[in-house]
Amino acid sequence: MYTLYIDSYFWAGHSVLMPDGTTEAVHSHNFCATAKLTSEVLDDKAMVMDFCGLRQSLDKITAGIAQAGNIGRIDYFAKKGQTAEIMAKYIFQELKKLLPEGITLAEVIVTEEPQCRAAYSE
């Protein structure tokens, strides 16, 4: 099995509903989204997928999040929540749509700050 990892760094603000029912003030992080892709085979160039094309796809998604400033302005996050877990699922779902056939998106990890990350996979 071949595995690729690609990172996309972006700044965004969010506000999380806390376990006690309070909501954090909007604050920001320099997030990192890491996509993990797998394939059983390599293409005719001996690659799973071109890193540049993969980076462009992931950066397109994270740029859309960053452009909102506060992710709560994006309907998906306003409805589902603004946690790193929800962000990982959103990025996973959006990136999966952009991948060529035969490439498996195994996981997306969102790092909120060092030592704090959440992952989503199907």
PDB file of N, CA and C in Angstrom:
ATOM      1  N   MET A   1       0.856  -1.181   0.000  1.00  0.00           N
ATOM      2  CA  MET A   1       0.000   0.000   0.000  1.00  0.00           C
ATOM      3  C   MET A   1       0.895   1.236   0.000  1.00  0.00           C
ATOM      4  N   TYR A   2       0.599   2.167  -0.868  1.00  0.00           N
ATOM      5  CA  TYR A   2       1.305   3.449  -0.917  1.00  0.00           C
ATOM      6  C   TYR A   2       0.466   4.496  -0.190  1.00  0.00           C
ATOM      7  N   THR A   3       1.137   5.393   0.514  1.00  0.00           N
ATOM      8  CA  THR A   3       0.445   6.426   1.281  1.00  0.00           C
ATOM      9  C   THR A   3       1.079   7.785   1.023  1.00  0.00           C
ATOM     10  N   LEU A   4       0.244   8.775   0.784  1.00  0.00           N
ATOM     11  CA  LEU A   4       0.687  10.165   0.652  1.00  0.00           C
ATOM     12  C   LEU A   4       0.087  10.974   1.792  1.00  0.00           C
ATOM     13  N   TYR A   5       0.857  11.951   2.235  1.00  0.00           N
ATOM     14  CA  TYR A   5       0.365  12.933   3.208  1.00  0.00           C
ATOM     15  C   TYR A   5       0.618  14.309   2.616  1.00  0.00           C
ATOM     16  N   ILE A   6      -0.348  15.188   2.743  1.00  0.00           N
ATOM     17  CA  ILE A   6      -0.173  16.566   2.288  1.00  0.00           C
ATOM     18  C   ILE A   6      -0.773  17.484   3.343  1.00  0.00           C
ATOM     19  N   ASP A   7      -0.105  18.588   3.600  1.00  0.00           N
ATOM     20  CA  ASP A   7      -0.554  19.553   4.612  1.00  0.00           C
ATOM     21  C   ASP A   7      -0.980  20.852   3.951  1.00  0.00           C
ATOM     22  N   SER A   8      -1.939  21.493   4.558  1.00  0.00           N
ATOM     23  CA  SER A   8      -2.358  22.832   4.160  1.00  0.00           C
ATOM     24  C   SER A   8      -2.535  23.653   5.435  1.00  0.00           C
ATOM     25  N   TYR A   9      -1.830  24.764   5.501  1.00  0.00           N
ATOM     26  CA  TYR A   9      -1.885  25.632   6.681  1.00  0.00           C
ATOM     27  C   TYR A   9      -2.794  26.816   6.385  1.00  0.00           C
ATOM     28  N   PHE A  10      -3.619  27.180   7.361  1.00  0.00           N
ATOM     29  CA  PHE A  10      -4.542  28.302   7.167  1.00  0.00           C
ATOM     30  C   PHE A  10      -4.942  28.876   8.517  1.00  0.00           C
ATOM     31  N   TRP A  11      -5.314  30.131   8.486  1.00  0.00           N
ATOM     32  CA  TRP A  11      -5.766  30.822   9.683  1.00  0.00           C
ATOM     33  C   TRP A  11      -7.279  30.923   9.612  1.00  0.00           C
ATOM     34  N   ALA A  12      -7.942  30.685  10.744  1.00  0.00           N
ATOM     35  CA  ALA A  12      -9.394  30.843  10.820  1.00  0.00           C
ATOM     36  C   ALA A  12      -9.800  31.039  12.274  1.00  0.00           C
ATOM     37  N   GLY A  13     -10.932  31.680  12.447  1.00  0.00           N
ATOM     38  CA  GLY A  13     -11.506  31.871  13.766  1.00  0.00           C
ATOM     39  C   GLY A  13     -12.690  30.939  13.961  1.00  0.00           C
ATOM     40  N   HIS A  14     -12.952  30.607  15.225  1.00  0.00           N
ATOM     41  CA  HIS A  14     -14.121  29.793  15.539  1.00  0.00           C
ATOM     42  C   HIS A  14     -14.556  30.051  16.976  1.00  0.00           C
ATOM     43  N   SER A  15     -15.739  29.549  17.276  1.00  0.00           N
ATOM     44  CA  SER A  15     -16.313  29.668  18.606  1.00  0.00           C
ATOM     45  C   SER A  15     -16.972  28.331  18.914  1.00  0.00           C
ATOM     46  N   VAL A  16     -16.527  27.687  19.966  1.00  0.00           N
ATOM     47  CA  VAL A  16     -16.963  26.324  20.266  1.00  0.00           C
ATOM     48  C   VAL A  16     -17.928  26.314  21.448  1.00  0.00           C
ATOM     49  N   LEU A  17     -18.994  25.520  21.307  1.00  0.00           N
ATOM     50  CA  LEU A  17     -19.928  25.286  22.405  1.00  0.00           C
ATOM     51  C   LEU A  17     -19.250  24.352  23.396  1.00  0.00           C
ATOM     52  N   MET A  18     -19.127  24.762  24.629  1.00  0.00           N
ATOM     53  CA  MET A  18     -18.405  24.011  25.649  1.00  0.00           C
ATOM     54  C   MET A  18     -19.332  23.005  26.348  1.00  0.00           C
ATOM     55  N   PRO A  19     -18.759  22.003  27.007  1.00  0.00           N
ATOM     56  CA  PRO A  19     -19.577  20.986  27.696  1.00  0.00           C
ATOM     57  C   PRO A  19     -20.547  21.565  28.730  1.00  0.00           C
ATOM     58  N   ASP A  20     -20.199  22.701  29.344  1.00  0.00           N
ATOM     59  CA  ASP A  20     -21.093  23.286  30.354  1.00  0.00           C
ATOM     60  C   ASP A  20     -22.202  24.145  29.743  1.00  0.00           C
ATOM     61  N   GLY A  21     -22.272  24.179  28.392  1.00  0.00           N
ATOM     62  CA  GLY A  21     -23.326  24.928  27.713  1.00  0.00           C
ATOM     63  C   GLY A  21     -22.944  26.342  27.335  1.00  0.00           C
ATOM     64  N   THR A  22     -21.809  26.820  27.809  1.00  0.00           N
ATOM     65  CA  THR A  22     -21.358  28.151  27.416  1.00  0.00           C
ATOM     66  C   THR A  22     -20.671  28.078  26.049  1.00  0.00           C
ATOM     67  N   THR A  23     -20.563  29.218  25.422  1.00  0.00           N
ATOM     68  CA  THR A  23     -19.897  29.293  24.125  1.00  0.00           C
ATOM     69  C   THR A  23     -18.656  30.151  24.272  1.00  0.00           C
ATOM     70  N   GLU A  24     -17.538  29.644  23.767  1.00  0.00           N
ATOM     71  CA  GLU A  24     -16.291  30.400  23.791  1.00  0.00           C
ATOM     72  C   GLU A  24     -16.444  31.680  22.967  1.00  0.00           C
ATOM     73  N   ALA A  25     -15.674  32.666  23.319  1.00  0.00           N
ATOM     74  CA  ALA A  25     -15.574  33.846  22.465  1.00  0.00           C
ATOM     75  C   ALA A  25     -14.880  33.423  21.175  1.00  0.00           C
ATOM     76  N   VAL A  26     -15.182  34.113  20.094  1.00  0.00           N
ATOM     77  CA  VAL A  26     -14.512  33.823  18.834  1.00  0.00           C
ATOM     78  C   VAL A  26     -13.018  34.076  19.013  1.00  0.00           C
ATOM     79  N   HIS A  27     -12.236  33.098  18.618  1.00  0.00           N
ATOM     80  CA  HIS A  27     -10.782  33.199  18.690  1.00  0.00           C
ATOM     81  C   HIS A  27     -10.217  32.478  17.473  1.00  0.00           C
ATOM     82  N   SER A  28      -8.961  32.695  17.184  1.00  0.00           N
ATOM     83  CA  SER A  28      -8.405  32.121  15.961  1.00  0.00           C
ATOM     84  C   SER A  28      -7.217  31.215  16.238  1.00  0.00           C
ATOM     85  N   HIS A  29      -6.924  30.397  15.245  1.00  0.00           N
ATOM     86  CA  HIS A  29      -5.791  29.480  15.280  1.00  0.00           C
ATOM     87  C   HIS A  29      -5.142  29.464  13.908  1.00  0.00           C
ATOM     88  N   ASN A  30      -3.896  29.099  13.873  1.00  0.00           N
ATOM     89  CA  ASN A  30      -3.228  28.744  12.630  1.00  0.00           C
ATOM     90  C   ASN A  30      -3.380  27.234  12.507  1.00  0.00           C
ATOM     91  N   PHE A  31      -4.396  26.819  11.782  1.00  0.00           N
ATOM     92  CA  PHE A  31      -4.721  25.403  11.636  1.00  0.00           C
ATOM     93  C   PHE A  31      -3.811  24.738  10.609  1.00  0.00           C
ATOM     94  N   CYS A  32      -3.714  23.434  10.708  1.00  0.00           N
ATOM     95  CA  CYS A  32      -3.082  22.619   9.680  1.00  0.00           C
ATOM     96  C   CYS A  32      -4.039  21.474   9.364  1.00  0.00           C
ATOM     97  N   ALA A  33      -4.384  21.335   8.078  1.00  0.00           N
ATOM     98  CA  ALA A  33      -5.175  20.194   7.624  1.00  0.00           C
ATOM     99  C   ALA A  33      -4.221  19.230   6.925  1.00  0.00           C
ATOM    100  N   THR A  34      -4.214  17.985   7.368  1.00  0.00           N
ATOM    101  CA  THR A  34      -3.380  16.948   6.776  1.00  0.00           C
ATOM    102  C   THR A  34      -4.277  15.895   6.144  1.00  0.00           C
ATOM    103  N   ALA A  35      -4.078  15.657   4.856  1.00  0.00           N
ATOM    104  CA  ALA A  35      -4.831  14.624   4.157  1.00  0.00           C
ATOM    105  C   ALA A  35      -3.933  13.413   3.965  1.00  0.00           C
ATOM    106  N   LYS A  36      -4.477  12.243   4.239  1.00  0.00           N
ATOM    107  CA  LYS A  36      -3.773  10.979   4.039  1.00  0.00           C
ATOM    108  C   LYS A  36      -4.496  10.216   2.930  1.00  0.00           C
ATOM    109  N   LEU A  37      -3.766   9.920   1.856  1.00  0.00           N
ATOM    110  CA  LEU A  37      -4.319   9.200   0.723  1.00  0.00           C
ATOM    111  C   LEU A  37      -3.590   7.891   0.532  1.00  0.00           C
ATOM    112  N   THR A  38      -4.300   6.883   0.052  1.00  0.00           N
ATOM    113  CA  THR A  38      -3.688   5.584  -0.179  1.00  0.00           C
ATOM    114  C   THR A  38      -4.061   5.045  -1.551  1.00  0.00           C
ATOM    115  N   SER A  39      -3.191   4.195  -2.049  1.00  0.00           N
ATOM    116  CA  SER A  39      -3.449   3.512  -3.311  1.00  0.00           C
ATOM    117  C   SER A  39      -2.657   2.220  -3.337  1.00  0.00           C
ATOM    118  N   GLU A  40      -3.230   1.224  -3.966  1.00  0.00           N
ATOM    119  CA  GLU A  40      -2.549  -0.063  -4.136  1.00  0.00           C
ATOM    120  C   GLU A  40      -1.536  -0.012  -5.278  1.00  0.00           C
ATOM    121  N   VAL A  41      -1.735   0.935  -6.196  1.00  0.00           N
ATOM    122  CA  VAL A  41      -0.900   0.986  -7.397  1.00  0.00           C
ATOM    123  C   VAL A  41      -0.369   2.393  -7.622  1.00  0.00           C
ATOM    124  N   LEU A  42       0.676   2.473  -8.417  1.00  0.00           N
ATOM    125  CA  LEU A  42       1.234   3.747  -8.850  1.00  0.00           C
ATOM    126  C   LEU A  42       0.831   3.993 -10.297  1.00  0.00           C
ATOM    127  N   ASP A  43       0.797   5.260 -10.678  1.00  0.00           N
ATOM    128  CA  ASP A  43       0.472   5.577 -12.063  1.00  0.00           C
ATOM    129  C   ASP A  43       1.693   5.376 -12.961  1.00  0.00           C
ATOM    130  N   ASP A  44       1.579   5.749 -14.225  1.00  0.00           N
ATOM    131  CA  ASP A  44       2.672   5.536 -15.171  1.00  0.00           C
ATOM    132  C   ASP A  44       3.888   6.421 -14.905  1.00  0.00           C
ATOM    133  N   LYS A  45       3.767   7.350 -13.959  1.00  0.00           N
ATOM    134  CA  LYS A  45       4.889   8.203 -13.550  1.00  0.00           C
ATOM    135  C   LYS A  45       5.453   7.756 -12.199  1.00  0.00           C
ATOM    136  N   ALA A  46       5.032   6.592 -11.746  1.00  0.00           N
ATOM    137  CA  ALA A  46       5.456   6.016 -10.465  1.00  0.00           C
ATOM    138  C   ALA A  46       4.995   6.842  -9.271  1.00  0.00           C
ATOM    139  N   MET A  47       3.798   7.427  -9.376  1.00  0.00           N
ATOM    140  CA  MET A  47       3.226   8.233  -8.297  1.00  0.00           C
ATOM    141  C   MET A  47       1.828   7.732  -7.946  1.00  0.00           C
ATOM    142  N   VAL A  48       1.451   7.928  -6.701  1.00  0.00           N
ATOM    143  CA  VAL A  48       0.047   7.751  -6.322  1.00  0.00           C
ATOM    144  C   VAL A  48      -0.753   8.868  -6.961  1.00  0.00           C
ATOM    145  N   MET A  49      -0.260  10.076  -6.791  1.00  0.00           N
ATOM    146  CA  MET A  49      -0.882  11.281  -7.336  1.00  0.00           C
ATOM    147  C   MET A  49       0.148  12.393  -7.257  1.00  0.00           C
ATOM    148  N   ASP A  50       0.078  13.319  -8.157  1.00  0.00           N
ATOM    149  CA  ASP A  50       0.994  14.454  -8.153  1.00  0.00           C
ATOM    150  C   ASP A  50       0.759  15.307  -6.907  1.00  0.00           C
ATOM    151  N   PHE A  51       1.822  15.567  -6.144  1.00  0.00           N
ATOM    152  CA  PHE A  51       1.702  16.384  -4.938  1.00  0.00           C
ATOM    153  C   PHE A  51       1.151  17.770  -5.247  1.00  0.00           C
ATOM    154  N   CYS A  52       1.559  18.364  -6.361  1.00  0.00           N
ATOM    155  CA  CYS A  52       1.118  19.726  -6.695  1.00  0.00           C
ATOM    156  C   CYS A  52      -0.393  19.779  -6.899  1.00  0.00           C
ATOM    157  N   GLY A  53      -0.935  18.825  -7.628  1.00  0.00           N
ATOM    158  CA  GLY A  53      -2.381  18.786  -7.839  1.00  0.00           C
ATOM    159  C   GLY A  53      -3.137  18.535  -6.555  1.00  0.00           C
ATOM    160  N   LEU A  54      -2.606  17.653  -5.733  1.00  0.00           N
ATOM    161  CA  LEU A  54      -3.232  17.363  -4.446  1.00  0.00           C
ATOM    162  C   LEU A  54      -3.204  18.588  -3.545  1.00  0.00           C
ATOM    163  N   ARG A  55      -2.065  19.271  -3.508  1.00  0.00           N
ATOM    164  CA  ARG A  55      -1.956  20.485  -2.691  1.00  0.00           C
ATOM    165  C   ARG A  55      -2.949  21.553  -3.165  1.00  0.00           C
ATOM    166  N   GLN A  56      -3.085  21.711  -4.461  1.00  0.00           N
ATOM    167  CA  GLN A  56      -4.029  22.700  -4.991  1.00  0.00           C
ATOM    168  C   GLN A  56      -5.453  22.388  -4.548  1.00  0.00           C
ATOM    169  N   SER A  57      -5.819  21.120  -4.592  1.00  0.00           N
ATOM    170  CA  SER A  57      -7.174  20.733  -4.173  1.00  0.00           C
ATOM    171  C   SER A  57      -7.406  21.008  -2.695  1.00  0.00           C
ATOM    172  N   LEU A  58      -6.448  20.604  -1.868  1.00  0.00           N
ATOM    173  CA  LEU A  58      -6.596  20.825  -0.426  1.00  0.00           C
ATOM    174  C   LEU A  58      -6.551  22.319  -0.095  1.00  0.00           C
ATOM    175  N   ASP A  59      -5.633  23.040  -0.722  1.00  0.00           N
ATOM    176  CA  ASP A  59      -5.536  24.486  -0.475  1.00  0.00           C
ATOM    177  C   ASP A  59      -6.804  25.226  -0.900  1.00  0.00           C
ATOM    178  N   LYS A  60      -7.464  24.760  -1.947  1.00  0.00           N
ATOM    179  CA  LYS A  60      -8.722  25.385  -2.389  1.00  0.00           C
ATOM    180  C   LYS A  60      -9.774  25.304  -1.274  1.00  0.00           C
ATOM    181  N   ILE A  61      -9.838  24.165  -0.632  1.00  0.00           N
ATOM    182  CA  ILE A  61     -10.817  23.965   0.445  1.00  0.00           C
ATOM    183  C   ILE A  61     -10.457  24.810   1.665  1.00  0.00           C
ATOM    184  N   THR A  62      -9.205  24.750   2.090  1.00  0.00           N
ATOM    185  CA  THR A  62      -8.816  25.491   3.288  1.00  0.00           C
ATOM    186  C   THR A  62      -8.838  26.997   3.044  1.00  0.00           C
ATOM    187  N   ALA A  63      -8.564  27.433   1.816  1.00  0.00           N
ATOM    188  CA  ALA A  63      -8.652  28.866   1.497  1.00  0.00           C
ATOM    189  C   ALA A  63     -10.094  29.349   1.649  1.00  0.00           C
ATOM    190  N   GLY A  64     -11.039  28.522   1.262  1.00  0.00           N
ATOM    191  CA  GLY A  64     -12.446  28.882   1.424  1.00  0.00           C
ATOM    192  C   GLY A  64     -12.825  29.045   2.884  1.00  0.00           C
ATOM    193  N   ILE A  65     -12.266  28.194   3.735  1.00  0.00           N
ATOM    194  CA  ILE A  65     -12.508  28.315   5.177  1.00  0.00           C
ATOM    195  C   ILE A  65     -11.859  29.589   5.701  1.00  0.00           C
ATOM    196  N   ALA A  66     -10.615  29.821   5.318  1.00  0.00           N
ATOM    197  CA  ALA A  66      -9.881  30.993   5.799  1.00  0.00           C
ATOM    198  C   ALA A  66     -10.537  32.294   5.347  1.00  0.00           C
ATOM    199  N   GLN A  67     -11.077  32.323   4.144  1.00  0.00           N
ATOM    200  CA  GLN A  67     -11.698  33.542   3.625  1.00  0.00           C
ATOM    201  C   GLN A  67     -12.885  33.980   4.463  1.00  0.00           C
ATOM    202  N   ALA A  68     -13.539  33.040   5.109  1.00  0.00           N
ATOM    203  CA  ALA A  68     -14.680  33.391   5.956  1.00  0.00           C
ATOM    204  C   ALA A  68     -14.227  34.126   7.213  1.00  0.00           C
ATOM    205  N   GLY A  69     -12.960  33.975   7.583  1.00  0.00           N
ATOM    206  CA  GLY A  69     -12.470  34.589   8.817  1.00  0.00           C
ATOM    207  C   GLY A  69     -12.943  33.800  10.022  1.00  0.00           C
ATOM    208  N   ASN A  70     -14.224  33.856  10.295  1.00  0.00           N
ATOM    209  CA  ASN A  70     -14.864  33.085  11.360  1.00  0.00           C
ATOM    210  C   ASN A  70     -15.640  31.967  10.682  1.00  0.00           C
ATOM    211  N   ILE A  71     -15.290  30.706  10.958  1.00  0.00           N
ATOM    212  CA  ILE A  71     -15.950  29.610  10.252  1.00  0.00           C
ATOM    213  C   ILE A  71     -17.447  29.524  10.551  1.00  0.00           C
ATOM    214  N   GLY A  72     -17.891  30.165  11.610  1.00  0.00           N
ATOM    215  CA  GLY A  72     -19.315  30.202  11.911  1.00  0.00           C
ATOM    216  C   GLY A  72     -20.126  30.914  10.835  1.00  0.00           C
ATOM    217  N   ARG A  73     -19.456  31.647   9.950  1.00  0.00           N
ATOM    218  CA  ARG A  73     -20.123  32.310   8.827  1.00  0.00           C
ATOM    219  C   ARG A  73     -20.410  31.351   7.683  1.00  0.00           C
ATOM    220  N   ILE A  74     -19.803  30.171   7.727  1.00  0.00           N
ATOM    221  CA  ILE A  74     -20.040  29.145   6.708  1.00  0.00           C
ATOM    222  C   ILE A  74     -21.211  28.293   7.184  1.00  0.00           C
ATOM    223  N   ASP A  75     -22.221  28.158   6.354  1.00  0.00           N
ATOM    224  CA  ASP A  75     -23.459  27.482   6.725  1.00  0.00           C
ATOM    225  C   ASP A  75     -23.217  26.100   7.341  1.00  0.00           C
ATOM    226  N   TYR A  76     -22.321  25.314   6.767  1.00  0.00           N
ATOM    227  CA  TYR A  76     -22.028  23.968   7.263  1.00  0.00           C
ATOM    228  C   TYR A  76     -21.642  24.002   8.741  1.00  0.00           C
ATOM    229  N   PHE A  77     -20.734  24.906   9.099  1.00  0.00           N
ATOM    230  CA  PHE A  77     -20.259  24.985  10.481  1.00  0.00           C
ATOM    231  C   PHE A  77     -21.275  25.645  11.393  1.00  0.00           C
ATOM    232  N   ALA A  78     -22.045  26.572  10.866  1.00  0.00           N
ATOM    233  CA  ALA A  78     -23.097  27.204  11.669  1.00  0.00           C
ATOM    234  C   ALA A  78     -24.125  26.165  12.108  1.00  0.00           C
ATOM    235  N   LYS A  79     -24.376  25.183  11.250  1.00  0.00           N
ATOM    236  CA  LYS A  79     -25.374  24.152  11.558  1.00  0.00           C
ATOM    237  C   LYS A  79     -24.810  22.994  12.380  1.00  0.00           C
ATOM    238  N   LYS A  80     -23.581  22.588  12.108  1.00  0.00           N
ATOM    239  CA  LYS A  80     -23.037  21.360  12.691  1.00  0.00           C
ATOM    240  C   LYS A  80     -22.092  21.582  13.858  1.00  0.00           C
ATOM    241  N   GLY A  81     -21.501  22.770  13.956  1.00  0.00           N
ATOM    242  CA  GLY A  81     -20.550  23.059  15.017  1.00  0.00           C
ATOM    243  C   GLY A  81     -19.225  23.516  14.441  1.00  0.00           C
ATOM    244  N   GLN A  82     -18.408  24.096  15.288  1.00  0.00           N
ATOM    245  CA  GLN A  82     -17.170  24.720  14.829  1.00  0.00           C
ATOM    246  C   GLN A  82     -15.924  24.062  15.411  1.00  0.00           C
ATOM    247  N   THR A  83     -16.024  22.806  15.782  1.00  0.00           N
ATOM    248  CA  THR A  83     -14.891  22.107  16.375  1.00  0.00           C
ATOM    249  C   THR A  83     -13.920  21.617  15.305  1.00  0.00           C
ATOM    250  N   ALA A  84     -12.747  21.236  15.739  1.00  0.00           N
ATOM    251  CA  ALA A  84     -11.759  20.650  14.824  1.00  0.00           C
ATOM    252  C   ALA A  84     -12.290  19.341  14.234  1.00  0.00           C
ATOM    253  N   GLU A  85     -13.083  18.610  14.994  1.00  0.00           N
ATOM    254  CA  GLU A  85     -13.671  17.365  14.499  1.00  0.00           C
ATOM    255  C   GLU A  85     -14.579  17.628  13.299  1.00  0.00           C
ATOM    256  N   ILE A  86     -15.422  18.640  13.423  1.00  0.00           N
ATOM    257  CA  ILE A  86     -16.342  18.981  12.336  1.00  0.00           C
ATOM    258  C   ILE A  86     -15.561  19.530  11.146  1.00  0.00           C
ATOM    259  N   MET A  87     -14.525  20.300  11.419  1.00  0.00           N
ATOM    260  CA  MET A  87     -13.692  20.828  10.342  1.00  0.00           C
ATOM    261  C   MET A  87     -13.017  19.684   9.577  1.00  0.00           C
ATOM    262  N   ALA A  88     -12.524  18.670  10.289  1.00  0.00           N
ATOM    263  CA  ALA A  88     -11.891  17.522   9.636  1.00  0.00           C
ATOM    264  C   ALA A  88     -12.884  16.792   8.737  1.00  0.00           C
ATOM    265  N   LYS A  89     -14.106  16.623   9.207  1.00  0.00           N
ATOM    266  CA  LYS A  89     -15.126  15.942   8.392  1.00  0.00           C
ATOM    267  C   LYS A  89     -15.458  16.760   7.152  1.00  0.00           C
ATOM    268  N   TYR A  90     -15.627  18.052   7.312  1.00  0.00           N
ATOM    269  CA  TYR A  90     -15.935  18.931   6.180  1.00  0.00           C
ATOM    270  C   TYR A  90     -14.836  18.857   5.119  1.00  0.00           C
ATOM    271  N   ILE A  91     -13.594  18.985   5.544  1.00  0.00           N
ATOM    272  CA  ILE A  91     -12.471  18.952   4.607  1.00  0.00           C
ATOM    273  C   ILE A  91     -12.404  17.585   3.926  1.00  0.00           C
ATOM    274  N   PHE A  92     -12.604  16.518   4.678  1.00  0.00           N
ATOM    275  CA  PHE A  92     -12.615  15.170   4.123  1.00  0.00           C
ATOM    276  C   PHE A  92     -13.653  15.058   3.014  1.00  0.00           C
ATOM    277  N   GLN A  93     -14.877  15.463   3.307  1.00  0.00           N
ATOM    278  CA  GLN A  93     -15.966  15.337   2.339  1.00  0.00           C
ATOM    279  C   GLN A  93     -15.708  16.164   1.081  1.00  0.00           C
ATOM    280  N   GLU A  94     -15.188  17.370   1.263  1.00  0.00           N
ATOM    281  CA  GLU A  94     -14.920  18.232   0.114  1.00  0.00           C
ATOM    282  C   GLU A  94     -13.744  17.725  -0.715  1.00  0.00           C
ATOM    283  N   LEU A  95     -12.694  17.257  -0.069  1.00  0.00           N
ATOM    284  CA  LEU A  95     -11.525  16.770  -0.799  1.00  0.00           C
ATOM    285  C   LEU A  95     -11.844  15.474  -1.544  1.00  0.00           C
ATOM    286  N   LYS A  96     -12.623  14.620  -0.937  1.00  0.00           N
ATOM    287  CA  LYS A  96     -12.988  13.352  -1.570  1.00  0.00           C
ATOM    288  C   LYS A  96     -13.640  13.584  -2.936  1.00  0.00           C
ATOM    289  N   LYS A  97     -14.423  14.639  -3.057  1.00  0.00           N
ATOM    290  CA  LYS A  97     -15.092  14.971  -4.323  1.00  0.00           C
ATOM    291  C   LYS A  97     -14.098  15.338  -5.422  1.00  0.00           C
ATOM    292  N   LEU A  98     -12.919  15.808  -5.046  1.00  0.00           N
ATOM    293  CA  LEU A  98     -11.949  16.321  -6.005  1.00  0.00           C
ATOM    294  C   LEU A  98     -10.892  15.303  -6.432  1.00  0.00           C
ATOM    295  N   LEU A  99     -10.887  14.131  -5.825  1.00  0.00           N
ATOM    296  CA  LEU A  99      -9.834  13.154  -6.092  1.00  0.00           C
ATOM    297  C   LEU A  99     -10.152  12.286  -7.303  1.00  0.00           C
ATOM    298  N   PRO A 100      -9.109  11.883  -8.031  1.00  0.00           N
ATOM    299  CA  PRO A 100      -9.326  10.990  -9.171  1.00  0.00           C
ATOM    300  C   PRO A 100      -9.765   9.599  -8.720  1.00  0.00           C
ATOM    301  N   GLU A 101     -10.390   8.897  -9.613  1.00  0.00           N
ATOM    302  CA  GLU A 101     -10.825   7.531  -9.331  1.00  0.00           C
ATOM    303  C   GLU A 101      -9.616   6.664  -9.007  1.00  0.00           C
ATOM    304  N   GLY A 102      -9.787   5.765  -8.057  1.00  0.00           N
ATOM    305  CA  GLY A 102      -8.720   4.855  -7.680  1.00  0.00           C
ATOM    306  C   GLY A 102      -7.877   5.335  -6.514  1.00  0.00           C
ATOM    307  N   ILE A 103      -8.054   6.586  -6.117  1.00  0.00           N
ATOM    308  CA  ILE A 103      -7.330   7.141  -4.983  1.00  0.00           C
ATOM    309  C   ILE A 103      -8.268   7.111  -3.784  1.00  0.00           C
ATOM    310  N   THR A 104      -7.808   6.581  -2.677  1.00  0.00           N
ATOM    311  CA  THR A 104      -8.622   6.508  -1.464  1.00  0.00           C
ATOM    312  C   THR A 104      -8.167   7.587  -0.490  1.00  0.00           C
ATOM    313  N   LEU A 105      -9.113   8.403  -0.083  1.00  0.00           N
ATOM    314  CA  LEU A 105      -8.841   9.362   0.986  1.00  0.00           C
ATOM    315  C   LEU A 105      -9.053   8.614   2.289  1.00  0.00           C
ATOM    316  N   ALA A 106      -7.964   8.330   2.984  1.00  0.00           N
ATOM    317  CA  ALA A 106      -8.034   7.508   4.191  1.00  0.00           C
ATOM    318  C   ALA A 106      -8.418   8.315   5.416  1.00  0.00           C
ATOM    319  N   GLU A 107      -7.930   9.574   5.495  1.00  0.00           N
ATOM    320  CA  GLU A 107      -8.138  10.349   6.719  1.00  0.00           C
ATOM    321  C   GLU A 107      -7.782  11.806   6.476  1.00  0.00           C
ATOM    322  N   VAL A 108      -8.456  12.684   7.201  1.00  0.00           N
ATOM    323  CA  VAL A 108      -8.067  14.088   7.292  1.00  0.00           C
ATOM    324  C   VAL A 108      -7.884  14.409   8.762  1.00  0.00           C
ATOM    325  N   ILE A 109      -6.751  15.009   9.082  1.00  0.00           N
ATOM    326  CA  ILE A 109      -6.440  15.426  10.448  1.00  0.00           C
ATOM    327  C   ILE A 109      -6.376  16.948  10.470  1.00  0.00           C
ATOM    328  N   VAL A 110      -7.039  17.555  11.424  1.00  0.00           N
ATOM    329  CA  VAL A 110      -6.957  19.002  11.615  1.00  0.00           C
ATOM    330  C   VAL A 110      -6.236  19.256  12.933  1.00  0.00           C
ATOM    331  N   THR A 111      -5.112  19.954  12.835  1.00  0.00           N
ATOM    332  CA  THR A 111      -4.363  20.352  14.014  1.00  0.00           C
ATOM    333  C   THR A 111      -4.740  21.781  14.354  1.00  0.00           C
ATOM    334  N   GLU A 112      -5.282  21.952  15.543  1.00  0.00           N
ATOM    335  CA  GLU A 112      -5.729  23.273  15.998  1.00  0.00           C
ATOM    336  C   GLU A 112      -4.569  24.054  16.604  1.00  0.00           C
ATOM    337  N   GLU A 113      -3.752  23.354  17.337  1.00  0.00           N
ATOM    338  CA  GLU A 113      -2.531  23.908  17.905  1.00  0.00           C
ATOM    339  C   GLU A 113      -1.647  22.720  18.249  1.00  0.00           C
ATOM    340  N   PRO A 114      -0.371  22.932  18.502  1.00  0.00           N
ATOM    341  CA  PRO A 114       0.489  21.776  18.797  1.00  0.00           C
ATOM    342  C   PRO A 114      -0.123  20.890  19.882  1.00  0.00           C
ATOM    343  N   GLN A 115      -0.104  19.624  19.636  1.00  0.00           N
ATOM    344  CA  GLN A 115      -0.595  18.596  20.544  1.00  0.00           C
ATOM    345  C   GLN A 115      -2.112  18.526  20.649  1.00  0.00           C
ATOM    346  N   CYS A 116      -2.840  19.251  19.785  1.00  0.00           N
ATOM    347  CA  CYS A 116      -4.307  19.212  19.774  1.00  0.00           C
ATOM    348  C   CYS A 116      -4.782  19.010  18.339  1.00  0.00           C
ATOM    349  N   ARG A 117      -5.249  17.801  18.026  1.00  0.00           N
ATOM    350  CA  ARG A 117      -5.705  17.536  16.673  1.00  0.00           C
ATOM    351  C   ARG A 117      -6.895  16.589  16.702  1.00  0.00           C
ATOM    352  N   ALA A 118      -7.660  16.643  15.622  1.00  0.00           N
ATOM    353  CA  ALA A 118      -8.823  15.773  15.463  1.00  0.00           C
ATOM    354  C   ALA A 118      -8.777  15.189  14.061  1.00  0.00           C
ATOM    355  N   ALA A 119      -9.323  13.975  13.910  1.00  0.00           N
ATOM    356  CA  ALA A 119      -9.283  13.296  12.630  1.00  0.00           C
ATOM    357  C   ALA A 119     -10.670  12.814  12.238  1.00  0.00           C
ATOM    358  N   TYR A 120     -10.840  12.667  10.917  1.00  0.00           N
ATOM    359  CA  TYR A 120     -12.078  12.062  10.383  1.00  0.00           C
ATOM    360  C   TYR A 120     -11.698  11.101   9.275  1.00  0.00           C
ATOM    361  N   SER A 121     -12.332   9.944   9.282  1.00  0.00           N
ATOM    362  CA  SER A 121     -12.185   8.958   8.220  1.00  0.00           C
ATOM    363  C   SER A 121     -13.522   8.229   8.056  1.00  0.00           C
ATOM    364  N   GLU A 122     -13.668   7.581   6.933  1.00  0.00           N
ATOM    365  CA  GLU A 122     -14.894   6.796   6.710  1.00  0.00           C
ATOM    366  C   GLU A 122     -14.585   5.322   6.743  1.00  0.00           C
TER     367      GLU A 122
END
